[in-house]
PDB file of N, CA and C in Angstrom:
ATOM      1  N   MET A   1      88.979  19.233 230.747  1.00  0.00           N
ATOM      2  CA  MET A   1      90.103  19.460 229.870  1.00  0.00           C
ATOM      3  C   MET A   1      89.624  19.334 228.428  1.00  0.00           C
ATOM      4  N   ASN A   2      89.752  20.395 227.646  1.00  0.00           N
ATOM      5  CA  ASN A   2      89.293  20.403 226.261  1.00  0.00           C
ATOM      6  C   ASN A   2      90.343  19.881 225.290  1.00  0.00           C
ATOM      7  N   GLU A   3      91.574  19.849 225.714  1.00  0.00           N
ATOM      8  CA  GLU A   3      92.667  19.455 224.836  1.00  0.00           C
ATOM      9  C   GLU A   3      92.677  17.940 224.602  1.00  0.00           C
ATOM     10  N   GLU A   4      92.980  17.555 223.375  1.00  0.00           N
ATOM     11  CA  GLU A   4      93.098  16.143 223.039  1.00  0.00           C
ATOM     12  C   GLU A   4      94.341  15.556 223.693  1.00  0.00           C
ATOM     13  N   ARG A   5      94.296  14.278 224.035  1.00  0.00           N
ATOM     14  CA  ARG A   5      95.433  13.646 224.698  1.00  0.00           C
ATOM     15  C   ARG A   5      96.620  13.482 223.755  1.00  0.00           C
ATOM     16  N   PHE A   6      96.376  13.101 222.499  1.00  0.00           N
ATOM     17  CA  PHE A   6      97.460  12.886 221.551  1.00  0.00           C
ATOM     18  C   PHE A   6      97.497  14.019 220.541  1.00  0.00           C
ATOM     19  N   LYS A   7      98.719  14.456 220.216  1.00  0.00           N
ATOM     20  CA  LYS A   7      98.899  15.550 219.276  1.00  0.00           C
ATOM     21  C   LYS A   7      99.908  15.127 218.216  1.00  0.00           C
ATOM     22  N   LYS A   8      99.553  15.314 216.940  1.00  0.00           N
ATOM     23  CA  LYS A   8     100.455  14.985 215.841  1.00  0.00           C
ATOM     24  C   LYS A   8     101.475  16.115 215.707  1.00  0.00           C
ATOM     25  N   THR A   9     102.767  15.754 215.734  1.00  0.00           N
ATOM     26  CA  THR A   9     103.821  16.765 215.662  1.00  0.00           C
ATOM     27  C   THR A   9     104.631  16.704 214.380  1.00  0.00           C
ATOM     28  N   TYR A  10     104.468  15.627 213.591  1.00  0.00           N
ATOM     29  CA  TYR A  10     105.241  15.476 212.358  1.00  0.00           C
ATOM     30  C   TYR A  10     104.489  14.561 211.410  1.00  0.00           C
ATOM     31  N   THR A  11     104.555  14.863 210.120  1.00  0.00           N
ATOM     32  CA  THR A  11     103.963  13.981 209.112  1.00  0.00           C
ATOM     33  C   THR A  11     104.764  14.080 207.820  1.00  0.00           C
ATOM     34  N   GLN A  12     104.879  12.957 207.125  1.00  0.00           N
ATOM     35  CA  GLN A  12     105.505  12.944 205.805  1.00  0.00           C
ATOM     36  C   GLN A  12     104.821  11.887 204.956  1.00  0.00           C
ATOM     37  N   GLY A  13     104.772  12.134 203.655  1.00  0.00           N
ATOM     38  CA  GLY A  13     104.224  11.167 202.713  1.00  0.00           C
ATOM     39  C   GLY A  13     102.748  11.351 202.450  1.00  0.00           C
ATOM     40  N   LYS A  14     102.330  10.770 201.322  1.00  0.00           N
ATOM     41  CA  LYS A  14     100.918  10.800 200.918  1.00  0.00           C
ATOM     42  C   LYS A  14     100.340   9.387 200.853  1.00  0.00           C
ATOM     43  N   LEU A  15     101.023   8.486 200.147  1.00  0.00           N
ATOM     44  CA  LEU A  15     100.544   7.102 200.048  1.00  0.00           C
ATOM     45  C   LEU A  15     101.125   6.242 201.166  1.00  0.00           C
ATOM     46  N   ASN A  16     102.385   6.415 201.429  1.00  0.00           N
ATOM     47  CA  ASN A  16     103.040   5.781 202.580  1.00  0.00           C
ATOM     48  C   ASN A  16     103.273   6.884 203.600  1.00  0.00           C
ATOM     49  N   VAL A  17     102.459   6.903 204.628  1.00  0.00           N
ATOM     50  CA  VAL A  17     102.454   8.006 205.588  1.00  0.00           C
ATOM     51  C   VAL A  17     103.213   7.614 206.854  1.00  0.00           C
ATOM     52  N   THR A  18     104.086   8.506 207.308  1.00  0.00           N
ATOM     53  CA  THR A  18     104.765   8.344 208.596  1.00  0.00           C
ATOM     54  C   THR A  18     104.469   9.588 209.425  1.00  0.00           C
ATOM     55  N   GLU A  19     104.035   9.374 210.664  1.00  0.00           N
ATOM     56  CA  GLU A  19     103.692  10.486 211.564  1.00  0.00           C
ATOM     57  C   GLU A  19     104.311  10.240 212.930  1.00  0.00           C
ATOM     58  N   ILE A  20     104.544  11.332 213.650  1.00  0.00           N
ATOM     59  CA  ILE A  20     104.958  11.239 215.049  1.00  0.00           C
ATOM     60  C   ILE A  20     103.864  11.901 215.880  1.00  0.00           C
ATOM     61  N   TRP A  21     103.409  11.182 216.904  1.00  0.00           N
ATOM     62  CA  TRP A  21     102.367  11.643 217.814  1.00  0.00           C
ATOM     63  C   TRP A  21     102.945  11.724 219.217  1.00  0.00           C
ATOM     64  N   VAL A  22     102.491  12.693 220.006  1.00  0.00           N
ATOM     65  CA  VAL A  22     102.952  12.861 221.387  1.00  0.00           C
ATOM     66  C   VAL A  22     101.765  12.722 222.327  1.00  0.00           C
ATOM     67  N   ASP A  23     101.927  11.890 223.356  1.00  0.00           N
ATOM     68  CA  ASP A  23     100.942  11.770 224.422  1.00  0.00           C
ATOM     69  C   ASP A  23     101.097  13.005 225.304  1.00  0.00           C
ATOM     70  N   GLN A  24     100.082  13.855 225.348  1.00  0.00           N
ATOM     71  CA  GLN A  24     100.158  15.129 226.068  1.00  0.00           C
ATOM     72  C   GLN A  24     100.197  14.969 227.585  1.00  0.00           C
ATOM     73  N   GLU A  25      99.895  13.791 228.101  1.00  0.00           N
ATOM     74  CA  GLU A  25      99.957  13.563 229.548  1.00  0.00           C
ATOM     75  C   GLU A  25     101.314  13.029 229.983  1.00  0.00           C
ATOM     76  N   THR A  26     101.911  12.147 229.184  1.00  0.00           N
ATOM     77  CA  THR A  26     103.175  11.508 229.584  1.00  0.00           C
ATOM     78  C   THR A  26     104.383  12.031 228.819  1.00  0.00           C
ATOM     79  N   GLY A  27     104.166  12.639 227.657  1.00  0.00           N
ATOM     80  CA  GLY A  27     105.264  13.112 226.821  1.00  0.00           C
ATOM     81  C   GLY A  27     105.853  12.039 225.924  1.00  0.00           C
ATOM     82  N   VAL A  28     105.397  10.797 226.051  1.00  0.00           N
ATOM     83  CA  VAL A  28     105.931   9.707 225.229  1.00  0.00           C
ATOM     84  C   VAL A  28     105.580   9.969 223.764  1.00  0.00           C
ATOM     85  N   GLN A  29     106.583   9.796 222.894  1.00  0.00           N
ATOM     86  CA  GLN A  29     106.397   9.979 221.460  1.00  0.00           C
ATOM     87  C   GLN A  29     106.162   8.626 220.799  1.00  0.00           C
ATOM     88  N   TYR A  30     105.256   8.615 219.811  1.00  0.00           N
ATOM     89  CA  TYR A  30     104.922   7.396 219.080  1.00  0.00           C
ATOM     90  C   TYR A  30     105.118   7.655 217.596  1.00  0.00           C
ATOM     91  N   VAL A  31     105.576   6.630 216.878  1.00  0.00           N
ATOM     92  CA  VAL A  31     105.665   6.718 215.425  1.00  0.00           C
ATOM     93  C   VAL A  31     104.541   5.858 214.846  1.00  0.00           C
ATOM     94  N   PHE A  32     103.829   6.437 213.882  1.00  0.00           N
ATOM     95  CA  PHE A  32     102.729   5.759 213.196  1.00  0.00           C
ATOM     96  C   PHE A  32     103.093   5.672 211.729  1.00  0.00           C
ATOM     97  N   HIS A  33     102.944   4.485 211.130  1.00  0.00           N
ATOM     98  CA  HIS A  33     103.205   4.325 209.701  1.00  0.00           C
ATOM     99  C   HIS A  33     102.020   3.624 209.071  1.00  0.00           C
ATOM    100  N   MET A  34     101.596   4.153 207.910  1.00  0.00           N
ATOM    101  CA  MET A  34     100.470   3.571 207.196  1.00  0.00           C
ATOM    102  C   MET A  34     100.854   3.418 205.724  1.00  0.00           C
ATOM    103  N   ALA A  35     100.596   2.240 205.183  1.00  0.00           N
ATOM    104  CA  ALA A  35     100.822   1.963 203.765  1.00  0.00           C
ATOM    105  C   ALA A  35      99.598   1.233 203.237  1.00  0.00           C
ATOM    106  N   GLY A  36      98.865   1.871 202.357  1.00  0.00           N
ATOM    107  CA  GLY A  36      97.636   1.267 201.842  1.00  0.00           C
ATOM    108  C   GLY A  36      96.609   1.118 202.951  1.00  0.00           C
ATOM    109  N   TYR A  37      96.122  -0.107 203.154  1.00  0.00           N
ATOM    110  CA  TYR A  37      95.112  -0.373 204.180  1.00  0.00           C
ATOM    111  C   TYR A  37      95.723  -0.850 205.495  1.00  0.00           C
ATOM    112  N   ALA A  38      97.045  -0.929 205.565  1.00  0.00           N
ATOM    113  CA  ALA A  38      97.713  -1.416 206.778  1.00  0.00           C
ATOM    114  C   ALA A  38      98.395  -0.264 207.491  1.00  0.00           C
ATOM    115  N   GLY A  39      98.443  -0.347 208.811  1.00  0.00           N
ATOM    116  CA  GLY A  39      99.109   0.686 209.591  1.00  0.00           C
ATOM    117  C   GLY A  39      99.448   0.173 210.972  1.00  0.00           C
ATOM    118  N   GLY A  40     100.341   0.872 211.631  1.00  0.00           N
ATOM    119  CA  GLY A  40     100.701   0.488 212.983  1.00  0.00           C
ATOM    120  C   GLY A  40     101.357   1.627 213.730  1.00  0.00           C
ATOM    121  N   MET A  41     101.315   1.544 215.042  1.00  0.00           N
ATOM    122  CA  MET A  41     101.885   2.565 215.909  1.00  0.00           C
ATOM    123  C   MET A  41     102.739   1.891 216.971  1.00  0.00           C
ATOM    124  N   THR A  42     103.877   2.505 217.288  1.00  0.00           N
ATOM    125  CA  THR A  42     104.774   1.964 218.302  1.00  0.00           C
ATOM    126  C   THR A  42     105.500   3.118 218.971  1.00  0.00           C
ATOM    127  N   PRO A  43     105.939   2.959 220.218  1.00  0.00           N
ATOM    128  CA  PRO A  43     106.711   4.026 220.856  1.00  0.00           C
ATOM    129  C   PRO A  43     108.005   4.287 220.079  1.00  0.00           C
ATOM    130  N   LEU A  44     108.384   5.540 220.005  1.00  0.00           N
ATOM    131  CA  LEU A  44     109.642   5.934 219.388  1.00  0.00           C
ATOM    132  C   LEU A  44     110.731   5.751 220.436  1.00  0.00           C
ATOM    133  N   LEU A  45     111.776   4.985 220.114  1.00  0.00           N
ATOM    134  CA  LEU A  45     112.811   4.637 221.086  1.00  0.00           C
ATOM    135  C   LEU A  45     114.131   5.330 220.782  1.00  0.00           C
ATOM    136  N   ASP A  46     114.897   5.619 221.838  1.00  0.00           N
ATOM    137  CA  ASP A  46     116.230   6.195 221.651  1.00  0.00           C
ATOM    138  C   ASP A  46     117.248   5.074 221.447  1.00  0.00           C
ATOM    139  N   ALA A  47     118.513   5.415 221.370  1.00  0.00           N
ATOM    140  CA  ALA A  47     119.570   4.431 221.097  1.00  0.00           C
ATOM    141  C   ALA A  47     119.679   3.374 222.194  1.00  0.00           C
ATOM    142  N   ASP A  48     119.243   3.691 223.412  1.00  0.00           N
ATOM    143  CA  ASP A  48     119.299   2.743 224.528  1.00  0.00           C
ATOM    144  C   ASP A  48     118.032   1.898 224.647  1.00  0.00           C
ATOM    145  N   GLY A  49     117.079   2.112 223.751  1.00  0.00           N
ATOM    146  CA  GLY A  49     115.836   1.346 223.789  1.00  0.00           C
ATOM    147  C   GLY A  49     114.791   1.920 224.730  1.00  0.00           C
ATOM    148  N   LYS A  50     115.016   3.134 225.230  1.00  0.00           N
ATOM    149  CA  LYS A  50     114.052   3.787 226.116  1.00  0.00           C
ATOM    150  C   LYS A  50     113.147   4.698 225.295  1.00  0.00           C
ATOM    151  N   PRO A  51     111.891   4.884 225.717  1.00  0.00           N
ATOM    152  CA  PRO A  51     110.976   5.754 224.970  1.00  0.00           C
ATOM    153  C   PRO A  51     111.488   7.197 224.913  1.00  0.00           C
ATOM    154  N   CYS A  52     111.322   7.825 223.749  1.00  0.00           N
ATOM    155  CA  CYS A  52     111.653   9.243 223.605  1.00  0.00           C
ATOM    156  C   CYS A  52     110.543  10.050 224.266  1.00  0.00           C
ATOM    157  N   ILE A  53     110.928  10.993 225.098  1.00  0.00           N
ATOM    158  CA  ILE A  53     109.979  11.811 225.843  1.00  0.00           C
ATOM    159  C   ILE A  53     110.089  13.255 225.359  1.00  0.00           C
ATOM    160  N   ALA A  54     108.958  13.833 224.962  1.00  0.00           N
ATOM    161  CA  ALA A  54     108.920  15.235 224.537  1.00  0.00           C
ATOM    162  C   ALA A  54     108.910  16.136 225.754  1.00  0.00           C
ATOM    163  N   ASP A  55     109.484  17.314 225.602  1.00  0.00           N
ATOM    164  CA  ASP A  55     109.464  18.321 226.658  1.00  0.00           C
ATOM    165  C   ASP A  55     108.104  19.026 226.597  1.00  0.00           C
ATOM    166  N   LEU A  56     107.212  18.695 227.508  1.00  0.00           N
ATOM    167  CA  LEU A  56     105.850  19.236 227.482  1.00  0.00           C
ATOM    168  C   LEU A  56     105.777  20.676 227.935  1.00  0.00           C
ATOM    169  N   THR A  57     106.889  21.226 228.460  1.00  0.00           N
ATOM    170  CA  THR A  57     106.886  22.637 228.840  1.00  0.00           C
ATOM    171  C   THR A  57     107.016  23.532 227.626  1.00  0.00           C
ATOM    172  N   LYS A  58     107.474  22.970 226.496  1.00  0.00           N
ATOM    173  CA  LYS A  58     107.557  23.706 225.243  1.00  0.00           C
ATOM    174  C   LYS A  58     106.316  23.397 224.428  1.00  0.00           C
ATOM    175  N   ASP A  59     106.032  24.234 223.435  1.00  0.00           N
ATOM    176  CA  ASP A  59     104.881  23.986 222.561  1.00  0.00           C
ATOM    177  C   ASP A  59     105.186  22.811 221.650  1.00  0.00           C
ATOM    178  N   VAL A  60     104.575  21.671 221.929  1.00  0.00           N
ATOM    179  CA  VAL A  60     104.825  20.443 221.160  1.00  0.00           C
ATOM    180  C   VAL A  60     103.856  20.369 220.023  1.00  0.00           C
TER     181      VAL A  60
END
């Protein structure tokens, strides 16, 4: 498989960066935020606290 497992689907900002990444195997979406030298990633959750899942049948 030549495709990378994680794919960036959204980005905003230059100094304070927020991105959304999708796990291409599970569809789970993650939000990544970086400010200066610090950063972190966590699953993106819906209103019920469950992970947001991308539809992998569409071009993500």
